[in-house]
Amino acid sequence: MAQHCLPDSKTKVFMFTKILQTLFNRNLILIGAIIVGLFFSGFANTLKDYNFYILAVVMTLSTTSISMKGMLPISKSIKNMGAAIFLGYFVFSSLLIVLSWFLLDNKYLFYGMVIIAASPPGVAVIPFTHILKGDMNYTMVGTLGTYLASIVLAPFIITLFSDSEGLDSMQLLIIMVKVILIPFLISRLFLFKPIYAVVEKTRGHVVDFGFALIIYTAVGLNRDVFFGNFEVLALISFILILMMFGLGTIYEWVARRLKIATPKSVSQKLLLTIKSSGFTASASMSIFGREAAIPSAVLAVLVLVYLLYLSIRNDLKQQL
């Protein structure tokens, strides 16, 4: 009889490591958060009260990847920041608000879109710049610029397009300081060598699971839309697909015509088309309530699809 060879200790360790890598894969974690939110939403109502604090922790750790050394020379950095702010706010935000204004009748769904328009880029732009062979320094400087600009621009945009809705612009400014500026300043402390060694090892997993909790909450609180209100789901999806896939394609055409270097164009396209689904979900629920978080729940799904599309397309191009 043939004897079955049992795996040795090294093979077992290798297999266990592969399983852990799979379980801690960013895309798998976020897809899992969406699925759990759809089918096991009972904890979402409790978790929504803690989303603000989860977001603050996530923003603190995620911004440790932004180095101030990359700001030099200052003149070039200011130019790159200006370009990133123009793309993310004046192009993306303007188009999103106009489309939503004409296509959405429900004011809270429209407010949810306004929150998306007012949000800074998603932190995923940094790792995906690396994956897609973009300009890492450009992305980091551009991300920093839009995050700092969002402290002022986000309250202005939200107040301007929300018909006041009992909102205090100073209160919104305080919220942005708490979730953007203070976490960024705290993140500077985490860059000291003894601390950063630990932060670097754990940052990715904490950020991924933090965003997963926020996305789970947004999806769980609005699961009825995914299962019942297909008209609303289709309309929001249509708008956001146009804003990511459509606008991204148009930008690629413009970049080719202007002969923008490929690494730089990759960075600019990501800064143009990717908004922070975790930030928007948390902000929408905190400011306008559950219904306004529906666009953010849809955004969380479509951002994953869009980034996977870009990653797969890039892999296919490299194989040709």
C-alpha atoms as a PDB file:
ATOM      1  CA  MET A   1       0.000   0.000   0.000  1.00  0.00           C
ATOM      2  CA  ALA A   2       1.205   3.483  -0.851  1.00  0.00           C
ATOM      3  CA  GLN A   3       2.148   5.552   2.158  1.00  0.00           C
ATOM      4  CA  HIS A   4       0.803   9.100   2.387  1.00  0.00           C
ATOM      5  CA  CYS A   5       3.556  11.571   3.174  1.00  0.00           C
ATOM      6  CA  LEU A   6       2.609  14.022   5.866  1.00  0.00           C
ATOM      7  CA  PRO A   7       3.856  17.597   5.374  1.00  0.00           C
ATOM      8  CA  ASP A   8       6.955  18.471   7.379  1.00  0.00           C
ATOM      9  CA  SER A   9       7.085  21.398   9.817  1.00  0.00           C
ATOM     10  CA  LYS A  10       8.441  23.866   7.216  1.00  0.00           C
ATOM     11  CA  THR A  11       5.656  22.982   4.812  1.00  0.00           C
ATOM     12  CA  LYS A  12       3.067  23.413   7.569  1.00  0.00           C
ATOM     13  CA  VAL A  13       4.455  26.838   8.460  1.00  0.00           C
ATOM     14  CA  PHE A  14       4.440  27.814   4.765  1.00  0.00           C
ATOM     15  CA  MET A  15       0.820  26.644   4.352  1.00  0.00           C
ATOM     16  CA  PHE A  16      -0.258  28.454   7.528  1.00  0.00           C
ATOM     17  CA  THR A  17       1.459  31.657   6.335  1.00  0.00           C
ATOM     18  CA  LYS A  18      -0.326  31.442   2.974  1.00  0.00           C
ATOM     19  CA  ILE A  19      -3.679  30.975   4.700  1.00  0.00           C
ATOM     20  CA  LEU A  20      -3.032  34.024   6.912  1.00  0.00           C
ATOM     21  CA  GLN A  21      -1.993  36.091   3.875  1.00  0.00           C
ATOM     22  CA  THR A  22      -5.244  35.139   2.176  1.00  0.00           C
ATOM     23  CA  LEU A  23      -7.352  35.930   5.242  1.00  0.00           C
ATOM     24  CA  PHE A  24      -5.627  39.303   5.696  1.00  0.00           C
ATOM     25  CA  ASN A  25      -5.848  40.269   2.027  1.00  0.00           C
ATOM     26  CA  ARG A  26      -7.228  43.830   1.808  1.00  0.00           C
ATOM     27  CA  ASN A  27      -9.710  43.114  -0.968  1.00  0.00           C
ATOM     28  CA  LEU A  28     -10.965  39.952   0.721  1.00  0.00           C
ATOM     29  CA  ILE A  29     -11.461  41.797   4.022  1.00  0.00           C
ATOM     30  CA  LEU A  30     -13.480  44.583   2.401  1.00  0.00           C
ATOM     31  CA  ILE A  31     -15.518  42.208   0.244  1.00  0.00           C
ATOM     32  CA  GLY A  32     -16.176  40.187   3.401  1.00  0.00           C
ATOM     33  CA  ALA A  33     -17.372  43.342   5.191  1.00  0.00           C
ATOM     34  CA  ILE A  34     -19.901  43.954   2.414  1.00  0.00           C
ATOM     35  CA  ILE A  35     -21.159  40.355   2.458  1.00  0.00           C
ATOM     36  CA  VAL A  36     -21.430  40.249   6.260  1.00  0.00           C
ATOM     37  CA  GLY A  37     -23.241  43.595   6.215  1.00  0.00           C
ATOM     38  CA  LEU A  38     -25.766  42.244   3.731  1.00  0.00           C
ATOM     39  CA  PHE A  39     -26.539  38.996   5.540  1.00  0.00           C
ATOM     40  CA  PHE A  40     -25.623  39.613   9.209  1.00  0.00           C
ATOM     41  CA  SER A  41     -26.466  43.243   9.864  1.00  0.00           C
ATOM     42  CA  GLY A  42     -27.585  42.974  13.498  1.00  0.00           C
ATOM     43  CA  PHE A  43     -24.465  44.576  14.972  1.00  0.00           C
ATOM     44  CA  ALA A  44     -24.450  47.549  12.563  1.00  0.00           C
ATOM     45  CA  ASN A  45     -26.862  49.651  14.609  1.00  0.00           C
ATOM     46  CA  THR A  46     -24.641  49.388  17.688  1.00  0.00           C
ATOM     47  CA  LEU A  47     -21.401  49.933  15.789  1.00  0.00           C
ATOM     48  CA  LYS A  48     -22.564  53.176  14.146  1.00  0.00           C
ATOM     49  CA  ASP A  49     -22.061  55.056  17.437  1.00  0.00           C
ATOM     50  CA  TYR A  50     -18.331  54.195  17.324  1.00  0.00           C
ATOM     51  CA  ASN A  51     -17.665  54.879  13.632  1.00  0.00           C
ATOM     52  CA  PHE A  52     -16.282  58.361  14.293  1.00  0.00           C
ATOM     53  CA  TYR A  53     -13.614  56.992  16.642  1.00  0.00           C
ATOM     54  CA  ILE A  54     -12.777  54.099  14.316  1.00  0.00           C
ATOM     55  CA  LEU A  55     -12.310  56.601  11.473  1.00  0.00           C
ATOM     56  CA  ALA A  56      -9.990  58.754  13.606  1.00  0.00           C
ATOM     57  CA  VAL A  57      -7.773  55.733  14.379  1.00  0.00           C
ATOM     58  CA  VAL A  58      -7.746  54.670  10.728  1.00  0.00           C
ATOM     59  CA  MET A  59      -6.853  58.173   9.536  1.00  0.00           C
ATOM     60  CA  THR A  60      -4.048  58.427  12.107  1.00  0.00           C
ATOM     61  CA  LEU A  61      -2.390  55.199  11.011  1.00  0.00           C
ATOM     62  CA  SER A  62      -3.021  55.578   7.286  1.00  0.00           C
ATOM     63  CA  THR A  63      -1.421  59.040   7.149  1.00  0.00           C
ATOM     64  CA  THR A  64       1.834  57.703   8.653  1.00  0.00           C
ATOM     65  CA  SER A  65       2.603  56.650   5.064  1.00  0.00           C
ATOM     66  CA  ILE A  66       2.832  60.339   4.077  1.00  0.00           C
ATOM     67  CA  SER A  67       6.380  61.624   4.518  1.00  0.00           C
ATOM     68  CA  MET A  68       7.149  65.314   4.920  1.00  0.00           C
ATOM     69  CA  LYS A  69      10.516  64.757   3.196  1.00  0.00           C
ATOM     70  CA  GLY A  70       8.611  64.228  -0.034  1.00  0.00           C
ATOM     71  CA  MET A  71       7.498  67.869   0.193  1.00  0.00           C
ATOM     72  CA  LEU A  72      10.851  69.102  -1.083  1.00  0.00           C
ATOM     73  CA  PRO A  73      11.217  71.184  -3.141  1.00  0.00           C
ATOM     74  CA  ILE A  74       8.266  73.160  -1.746  1.00  0.00           C
ATOM     75  CA  SER A  75       7.461  74.966  -5.010  1.00  0.00           C
ATOM     76  CA  LYS A  76       6.997  71.685  -6.871  1.00  0.00           C
ATOM     77  CA  SER A  77       4.918  70.213  -4.036  1.00  0.00           C
ATOM     78  CA  ILE A  78       2.581  73.220  -3.971  1.00  0.00           C
ATOM     79  CA  LYS A  79       2.055  72.829  -7.721  1.00  0.00           C
ATOM     80  CA  ASN A  80       1.309  69.112  -7.348  1.00  0.00           C
ATOM     81  CA  MET A  81      -1.047  69.762  -4.424  1.00  0.00           C
ATOM     82  CA  GLY A  82      -2.892  72.359  -6.485  1.00  0.00           C
ATOM     83  CA  ALA A  83      -3.309  69.911  -9.365  1.00  0.00           C
ATOM     84  CA  ALA A  84      -4.595  67.184  -7.022  1.00  0.00           C
ATOM     85  CA  ILE A  85      -7.087  69.571  -5.385  1.00  0.00           C
ATOM     86  CA  PHE A  86      -8.274  70.733  -8.815  1.00  0.00           C
ATOM     87  CA  LEU A  87      -8.831  67.157 -10.004  1.00  0.00           C
ATOM     88  CA  GLY A  88     -10.406  65.792  -6.819  1.00  0.00           C
ATOM     89  CA  TYR A  89     -12.595  68.739  -5.915  1.00  0.00           C
ATOM     90  CA  PHE A  90     -13.167  71.099  -8.830  1.00  0.00           C
ATOM     91  CA  VAL A  91     -13.502  68.368 -11.490  1.00  0.00           C
ATOM     92  CA  PHE A  92     -14.828  65.278  -9.682  1.00  0.00           C
ATOM     93  CA  SER A  93     -16.899  67.072  -7.045  1.00  0.00           C
ATOM     94  CA  SER A  94     -18.487  69.534  -9.476  1.00  0.00           C
ATOM     95  CA  LEU A  95     -19.510  66.804 -11.923  1.00  0.00           C
ATOM     96  CA  LEU A  96     -20.829  64.526  -9.155  1.00  0.00           C
ATOM     97  CA  ILE A  97     -22.965  67.259  -7.602  1.00  0.00           C
ATOM     98  CA  VAL A  98     -24.393  68.319 -10.986  1.00  0.00           C
ATOM     99  CA  LEU A  99     -25.267  64.722 -11.950  1.00  0.00           C
ATOM    100  CA  SER A 100     -26.787  64.014  -8.534  1.00  0.00           C
ATOM    101  CA  TRP A 101     -28.754  67.262  -8.567  1.00  0.00           C
ATOM    102  CA  PHE A 102     -30.481  66.314 -11.831  1.00  0.00           C
ATOM    103  CA  LEU A 103     -30.924  62.563 -11.256  1.00  0.00           C
ATOM    104  CA  LEU A 104     -31.738  62.165  -7.540  1.00  0.00           C
ATOM    105  CA  ASP A 105     -35.103  63.243  -6.100  1.00  0.00           C
ATOM    106  CA  ASN A 106     -34.484  62.104  -2.514  1.00  0.00           C
ATOM    107  CA  LYS A 107     -32.715  64.916  -0.645  1.00  0.00           C
ATOM    108  CA  TYR A 108     -30.898  62.598   1.765  1.00  0.00           C
ATOM    109  CA  LEU A 109     -29.486  60.527  -1.094  1.00  0.00           C
ATOM    110  CA  PHE A 110     -28.352  63.798  -2.654  1.00  0.00           C
ATOM    111  CA  TYR A 111     -26.769  64.832   0.655  1.00  0.00           C
ATOM    112  CA  GLY A 112     -24.962  61.493   0.678  1.00  0.00           C
ATOM    113  CA  MET A 113     -23.537  62.322  -2.748  1.00  0.00           C
ATOM    114  CA  VAL A 114     -22.514  65.767  -1.482  1.00  0.00           C
ATOM    115  CA  ILE A 115     -20.568  64.079   1.325  1.00  0.00           C
ATOM    116  CA  ILE A 116     -18.778  61.951  -1.297  1.00  0.00           C
ATOM    117  CA  ALA A 117     -18.021  65.095  -3.317  1.00  0.00           C
ATOM    118  CA  ALA A 118     -16.684  66.816  -0.189  1.00  0.00           C
ATOM    119  CA  SER A 119     -14.465  63.944   0.937  1.00  0.00           C
ATOM    120  CA  PRO A 120     -10.698  63.612   0.382  1.00  0.00           C
ATOM    121  CA  PRO A 121      -9.287  60.780  -1.756  1.00  0.00           C
ATOM    122  CA  GLY A 122      -9.336  57.249  -0.399  1.00  0.00           C
ATOM    123  CA  VAL A 123      -6.153  56.004   1.264  1.00  0.00           C
ATOM    124  CA  ALA A 124      -6.175  53.166  -1.285  1.00  0.00           C
ATOM    125  CA  VAL A 125      -4.675  55.585  -3.825  1.00  0.00           C
ATOM    126  CA  ILE A 126      -1.272  55.172  -2.148  1.00  0.00           C
ATOM    127  CA  PRO A 127      -0.871  51.364  -2.331  1.00  0.00           C
ATOM    128  CA  PHE A 128      -2.540  51.248  -5.751  1.00  0.00           C
ATOM    129  CA  THR A 129      -0.162  53.887  -7.080  1.00  0.00           C
ATOM    130  CA  HIS A 130       2.601  51.406  -6.256  1.00  0.00           C
ATOM    131  CA  ILE A 131       0.686  48.480  -7.790  1.00  0.00           C
ATOM    132  CA  LEU A 132      -0.068  50.406 -10.996  1.00  0.00           C
ATOM    133  CA  LYS A 133       3.491  51.798 -11.307  1.00  0.00           C
ATOM    134  CA  GLY A 134       2.474  55.394 -10.673  1.00  0.00           C
ATOM    135  CA  ASP A 135       4.478  58.277  -9.197  1.00  0.00           C
ATOM    136  CA  MET A 136       4.499  57.545  -5.442  1.00  0.00           C
ATOM    137  CA  ASN A 137       5.863  60.948  -4.429  1.00  0.00           C
ATOM    138  CA  TYR A 138       3.242  62.743  -6.534  1.00  0.00           C
ATOM    139  CA  THR A 139       0.439  60.681  -4.979  1.00  0.00           C
ATOM    140  CA  MET A 140       1.652  61.241  -1.423  1.00  0.00           C
ATOM    141  CA  VAL A 141       2.043  64.994  -1.894  1.00  0.00           C
ATOM    142  CA  GLY A 142      -1.298  65.209  -3.702  1.00  0.00           C
ATOM    143  CA  THR A 143      -3.029  63.181  -0.992  1.00  0.00           C
ATOM    144  CA  LEU A 144      -1.591  65.391   1.737  1.00  0.00           C
ATOM    145  CA  GLY A 145      -2.691  68.523  -0.133  1.00  0.00           C
ATOM    146  CA  THR A 146      -6.268  67.328  -0.638  1.00  0.00           C
ATOM    147  CA  TYR A 147      -6.528  66.127   2.971  1.00  0.00           C
ATOM    148  CA  LEU A 148      -5.455  69.521   4.282  1.00  0.00           C
ATOM    149  CA  ALA A 149      -7.704  71.343   1.782  1.00  0.00           C
ATOM    150  CA  SER A 150     -10.653  69.160   2.806  1.00  0.00           C
ATOM    151  CA  ILE A 151     -10.575  70.708   6.295  1.00  0.00           C
ATOM    152  CA  VAL A 152     -11.925  73.906   4.749  1.00  0.00           C
ATOM    153  CA  LEU A 153     -13.492  72.689   1.486  1.00  0.00           C
ATOM    154  CA  ALA A 154     -15.588  69.862   2.953  1.00  0.00           C
ATOM    155  CA  PRO A 155     -17.556  72.033   5.435  1.00  0.00           C
ATOM    156  CA  PHE A 156     -18.024  74.671   2.719  1.00  0.00           C
ATOM    157  CA  ILE A 157     -19.357  72.173   0.146  1.00  0.00           C
ATOM    158  CA  ILE A 158     -21.608  70.371   2.630  1.00  0.00           C
ATOM    159  CA  THR A 159     -23.088  73.596   4.000  1.00  0.00           C
ATOM    160  CA  LEU A 160     -23.562  75.078   0.519  1.00  0.00           C
ATOM    161  CA  PHE A 161     -25.475  72.113  -0.926  1.00  0.00           C
ATOM    162  CA  SER A 162     -27.403  70.833   2.083  1.00  0.00           C
ATOM    163  CA  ASP A 163     -29.933  73.698   2.334  1.00  0.00           C
ATOM    164  CA  SER A 164     -28.448  74.370   5.788  1.00  0.00           C
ATOM    165  CA  GLU A 165     -30.444  71.419   7.238  1.00  0.00           C
ATOM    166  CA  GLY A 166     -29.722  72.743  10.718  1.00  0.00           C
ATOM    167  CA  LEU A 167     -25.981  72.394  10.163  1.00  0.00           C
ATOM    168  CA  ASP A 168     -23.396  74.648  11.748  1.00  0.00           C
ATOM    169  CA  SER A 169     -20.439  75.224   9.410  1.00  0.00           C
ATOM    170  CA  MET A 170     -18.177  75.697  12.431  1.00  0.00           C
ATOM    171  CA  GLN A 171     -19.327  72.310  13.756  1.00  0.00           C
ATOM    172  CA  LEU A 172     -18.432  70.730  10.407  1.00  0.00           C
ATOM    173  CA  LEU A 173     -15.043  72.434  10.520  1.00  0.00           C
ATOM    174  CA  ILE A 174     -14.453  70.989  14.002  1.00  0.00           C
ATOM    175  CA  ILE A 175     -15.388  67.509  12.713  1.00  0.00           C
ATOM    176  CA  MET A 176     -12.867  67.822   9.862  1.00  0.00           C
ATOM    177  CA  VAL A 177     -10.171  68.983  12.286  1.00  0.00           C
ATOM    178  CA  LYS A 178     -10.889  65.951  14.478  1.00  0.00           C
ATOM    179  CA  VAL A 179     -10.819  63.351  11.690  1.00  0.00           C
ATOM    180  CA  ILE A 180      -8.207  64.900   9.362  1.00  0.00           C
ATOM    181  CA  LEU A 181      -5.886  67.428  11.024  1.00  0.00           C
ATOM    182  CA  ILE A 182      -5.518  65.943  14.514  1.00  0.00           C
ATOM    183  CA  PRO A 183      -4.963  62.364  13.237  1.00  0.00           C
ATOM    184  CA  PHE A 184      -2.376  63.720  10.770  1.00  0.00           C
ATOM    185  CA  LEU A 185      -0.523  65.586  13.533  1.00  0.00           C
ATOM    186  CA  ILE A 186      -0.620  62.520  15.809  1.00  0.00           C
ATOM    187  CA  SER A 187       0.689  60.414  12.926  1.00  0.00           C
ATOM    188  CA  ARG A 188       3.860  62.558  12.933  1.00  0.00           C
ATOM    189  CA  LEU A 189       4.586  61.243  16.445  1.00  0.00           C
ATOM    190  CA  PHE A 190       4.285  57.670  15.170  1.00  0.00           C
ATOM    191  CA  LEU A 191       7.137  58.312  12.718  1.00  0.00           C
ATOM    192  CA  PHE A 192       9.780  58.180  15.468  1.00  0.00           C
ATOM    193  CA  LYS A 193      11.874  55.070  14.816  1.00  0.00           C
ATOM    194  CA  PRO A 194      11.065  53.007  17.936  1.00  0.00           C
ATOM    195  CA  ILE A 195       7.306  53.526  17.409  1.00  0.00           C
ATOM    196  CA  TYR A 196       7.285  53.416  13.613  1.00  0.00           C
ATOM    197  CA  ALA A 197       8.769  49.922  13.511  1.00  0.00           C
ATOM    198  CA  VAL A 198       5.657  48.624  15.279  1.00  0.00           C
ATOM    199  CA  VAL A 199       3.269  50.900  13.352  1.00  0.00           C
ATOM    200  CA  GLU A 200       4.650  49.791   9.989  1.00  0.00           C
ATOM    201  CA  LYS A 201       4.020  46.129  10.790  1.00  0.00           C
ATOM    202  CA  THR A 202       0.441  46.617  12.013  1.00  0.00           C
ATOM    203  CA  ARG A 203      -0.748  49.666  10.033  1.00  0.00           C
ATOM    204  CA  GLY A 204      -2.077  47.837   6.993  1.00  0.00           C
ATOM    205  CA  HIS A 205      -4.182  45.354   8.954  1.00  0.00           C
ATOM    206  CA  VAL A 206      -5.574  47.963  11.361  1.00  0.00           C
ATOM    207  CA  VAL A 207      -6.521  50.296   8.487  1.00  0.00           C
ATOM    208  CA  ASP A 208      -8.099  47.451   6.491  1.00  0.00           C
ATOM    209  CA  PHE A 209     -10.166  46.148   9.407  1.00  0.00           C
ATOM    210  CA  GLY A 210     -11.077  49.684  10.483  1.00  0.00           C
ATOM    211  CA  PHE A 211     -12.463  50.527   7.064  1.00  0.00           C
ATOM    212  CA  ALA A 212     -14.133  47.114   6.975  1.00  0.00           C
ATOM    213  CA  LEU A 213     -16.045  47.946  10.190  1.00  0.00           C
ATOM    214  CA  ILE A 214     -17.164  51.309   8.770  1.00  0.00           C
ATOM    215  CA  ILE A 215     -18.238  49.760   5.466  1.00  0.00           C
ATOM    216  CA  TYR A 216     -20.006  46.907   7.293  1.00  0.00           C
ATOM    217  CA  THR A 217     -21.993  49.482   9.271  1.00  0.00           C
ATOM    218  CA  ALA A 218     -23.003  51.478   6.183  1.00  0.00           C
ATOM    219  CA  VAL A 219     -24.020  48.347   4.261  1.00  0.00           C
ATOM    220  CA  GLY A 220     -25.728  46.712   7.264  1.00  0.00           C
ATOM    221  CA  LEU A 221     -27.847  49.762   8.062  1.00  0.00           C
ATOM    222  CA  ASN A 222     -28.990  49.964   4.431  1.00  0.00           C
ATOM    223  CA  ARG A 223     -29.229  46.279   3.486  1.00  0.00           C
ATOM    224  CA  ASP A 224     -32.891  46.737   2.491  1.00  0.00           C
ATOM    225  CA  VAL A 225     -31.754  48.935  -0.419  1.00  0.00           C
ATOM    226  CA  PHE A 226     -29.493  46.183  -1.757  1.00  0.00           C
ATOM    227  CA  PHE A 227     -32.261  43.593  -1.535  1.00  0.00           C
ATOM    228  CA  GLY A 228     -35.368  45.632  -2.238  1.00  0.00           C
ATOM    229  CA  ASN A 229     -34.974  49.106  -3.704  1.00  0.00           C
ATOM    230  CA  PHE A 230     -33.196  48.196  -6.944  1.00  0.00           C
ATOM    231  CA  GLU A 231     -34.232  51.439  -8.644  1.00  0.00           C
ATOM    232  CA  VAL A 232     -32.338  53.543  -6.087  1.00  0.00           C
ATOM    233  CA  LEU A 233     -29.403  51.129  -6.148  1.00  0.00           C
ATOM    234  CA  ALA A 234     -29.202  51.224  -9.961  1.00  0.00           C
ATOM    235  CA  LEU A 235     -29.414  55.014 -10.125  1.00  0.00           C
ATOM    236  CA  ILE A 236     -26.694  55.603  -7.520  1.00  0.00           C
ATOM    237  CA  SER A 237     -24.524  52.918  -9.147  1.00  0.00           C
ATOM    238  CA  PHE A 238     -25.007  54.542 -12.559  1.00  0.00           C
ATOM    239  CA  ILE A 239     -23.834  57.943 -11.277  1.00  0.00           C
ATOM    240  CA  LEU A 240     -20.809  56.533  -9.441  1.00  0.00           C
ATOM    241  CA  ILE A 241     -19.799  54.266 -12.353  1.00  0.00           C
ATOM    242  CA  LEU A 242     -19.811  57.321 -14.612  1.00  0.00           C
ATOM    243  CA  MET A 243     -17.679  59.187 -12.077  1.00  0.00           C
ATOM    244  CA  MET A 244     -15.068  56.437 -11.751  1.00  0.00           C
ATOM    245  CA  PHE A 245     -14.960  54.370 -14.935  1.00  0.00           C
ATOM    246  CA  GLY A 246     -16.254  57.099 -17.265  1.00  0.00           C
ATOM    247  CA  LEU A 247     -14.257  60.019 -15.874  1.00  0.00           C
ATOM    248  CA  GLY A 248     -11.169  57.813 -15.542  1.00  0.00           C
ATOM    249  CA  THR A 249     -11.396  56.843 -19.234  1.00  0.00           C
ATOM    250  CA  ILE A 250     -11.840  60.466 -20.297  1.00  0.00           C
ATOM    251  CA  TYR A 251      -8.820  61.470 -18.206  1.00  0.00           C
ATOM    252  CA  GLU A 252      -6.680  58.754 -19.840  1.00  0.00           C
ATOM    253  CA  TRP A 253      -7.586  60.141 -23.277  1.00  0.00           C
ATOM    254  CA  VAL A 254      -6.756  63.706 -22.196  1.00  0.00           C
ATOM    255  CA  ALA A 255      -3.459  62.573 -20.599  1.00  0.00           C
ATOM    256  CA  ARG A 256      -2.409  60.884 -23.847  1.00  0.00           C
ATOM    257  CA  ARG A 257      -3.254  63.995 -25.862  1.00  0.00           C
ATOM    258  CA  LEU A 258      -1.291  66.194 -23.451  1.00  0.00           C
ATOM    259  CA  LYS A 259       1.551  63.628 -23.390  1.00  0.00           C
ATOM    260  CA  ILE A 260       1.604  63.451 -19.582  1.00  0.00           C
ATOM    261  CA  ALA A 261       4.167  60.904 -18.347  1.00  0.00           C
ATOM    262  CA  THR A 262       2.535  57.563 -17.512  1.00  0.00           C
ATOM    263  CA  PRO A 263       3.563  57.418 -13.808  1.00  0.00           C
ATOM    264  CA  LYS A 264       2.203  60.916 -13.239  1.00  0.00           C
ATOM    265  CA  SER A 265      -1.015  60.209 -15.173  1.00  0.00           C
ATOM    266  CA  VAL A 266      -1.606  57.054 -13.087  1.00  0.00           C
ATOM    267  CA  SER A 267      -1.327  59.102  -9.890  1.00  0.00           C
ATOM    268  CA  GLN A 268      -3.561  61.870 -11.189  1.00  0.00           C
ATOM    269  CA  LYS A 269      -6.233  59.435 -12.358  1.00  0.00           C
ATOM    270  CA  LEU A 270      -6.395  57.779  -8.928  1.00  0.00           C
ATOM    271  CA  LEU A 271      -6.544  61.153  -7.138  1.00  0.00           C
ATOM    272  CA  LEU A 272      -9.306  62.183  -9.564  1.00  0.00           C
ATOM    273  CA  THR A 273     -11.549  59.117  -9.319  1.00  0.00           C
ATOM    274  CA  ILE A 274     -11.113  57.546  -5.853  1.00  0.00           C
ATOM    275  CA  LYS A 275     -12.920  59.000  -2.843  1.00  0.00           C
ATOM    276  CA  SER A 276     -12.698  57.643   0.696  1.00  0.00           C
ATOM    277  CA  SER A 277     -15.687  55.311   1.179  1.00  0.00           C
ATOM    278  CA  GLY A 278     -14.821  54.893   4.860  1.00  0.00           C
ATOM    279  CA  PHE A 279     -14.764  58.632   5.485  1.00  0.00           C
ATOM    280  CA  THR A 280     -17.960  59.246   3.509  1.00  0.00           C
ATOM    281  CA  ALA A 281     -19.859  56.445   5.240  1.00  0.00           C
ATOM    282  CA  SER A 282     -18.907  57.671   8.699  1.00  0.00           C
ATOM    283  CA  ALA A 283     -19.521  61.351   7.887  1.00  0.00           C
ATOM    284  CA  SER A 284     -22.876  60.671   6.184  1.00  0.00           C
ATOM    285  CA  MET A 285     -24.233  58.733   9.164  1.00  0.00           C
ATOM    286  CA  SER A 286     -22.902  61.268  11.666  1.00  0.00           C
ATOM    287  CA  ILE A 287     -24.225  64.359   9.862  1.00  0.00           C
ATOM    288  CA  PHE A 288     -27.391  63.307   7.997  1.00  0.00           C
ATOM    289  CA  GLY A 289     -28.320  59.840   9.260  1.00  0.00           C
ATOM    290  CA  ARG A 290     -28.740  56.321   7.893  1.00  0.00           C
ATOM    291  CA  GLU A 291     -30.362  57.097   4.533  1.00  0.00           C
ATOM    292  CA  ALA A 292     -27.598  59.499   3.515  1.00  0.00           C
ATOM    293  CA  ALA A 293     -25.062  56.672   3.949  1.00  0.00           C
ATOM    294  CA  ILE A 294     -26.614  54.630   1.105  1.00  0.00           C
ATOM    295  CA  PRO A 295     -24.408  56.242  -1.603  1.00  0.00           C
ATOM    296  CA  SER A 296     -21.329  55.527   0.546  1.00  0.00           C
ATOM    297  CA  ALA A 297     -22.321  51.867   0.889  1.00  0.00           C
ATOM    298  CA  VAL A 298     -22.620  51.632  -2.906  1.00  0.00           C
ATOM    299  CA  LEU A 299     -19.351  53.550  -3.292  1.00  0.00           C
ATOM    300  CA  ALA A 300     -17.555  51.005  -1.084  1.00  0.00           C
ATOM    301  CA  VAL A 301     -18.581  48.209  -3.454  1.00  0.00           C
ATOM    302  CA  LEU A 302     -17.781  50.096  -6.658  1.00  0.00           C
ATOM    303  CA  VAL A 303     -14.386  51.372  -5.476  1.00  0.00           C
ATOM    304  CA  LEU A 304     -13.350  47.756  -4.909  1.00  0.00           C
ATOM    305  CA  VAL A 305     -14.612  46.766  -8.365  1.00  0.00           C
ATOM    306  CA  TYR A 306     -12.856  49.747  -9.959  1.00  0.00           C
ATOM    307  CA  LEU A 307      -9.513  49.116  -8.257  1.00  0.00           C
ATOM    308  CA  LEU A 308      -9.649  45.403  -9.105  1.00  0.00           C
ATOM    309  CA  TYR A 309     -10.429  46.354 -12.720  1.00  0.00           C
ATOM    310  CA  LEU A 310      -7.404  48.687 -12.862  1.00  0.00           C
ATOM    311  CA  SER A 311      -5.166  46.063 -11.255  1.00  0.00           C
ATOM    312  CA  ILE A 312      -6.257  43.244 -13.604  1.00  0.00           C
ATOM    313  CA  ARG A 313      -6.007  45.505 -16.665  1.00  0.00           C
ATOM    314  CA  ASN A 314      -2.484  46.544 -15.627  1.00  0.00           C
ATOM    315  CA  ASP A 315      -1.440  42.881 -15.201  1.00  0.00           C
ATOM    316  CA  LEU A 316      -2.804  42.029 -18.669  1.00  0.00           C
ATOM    317  CA  LYS A 317      -0.925  44.951 -20.245  1.00  0.00           C
ATOM    318  CA  GLN A 318       2.345  43.771 -18.682  1.00  0.00           C
ATOM    319  CA  GLN A 319       1.825  40.263 -20.064  1.00  0.00           C
ATOM    320  CA  LEU A 320       1.397  41.519 -23.639  1.00  0.00           C
END
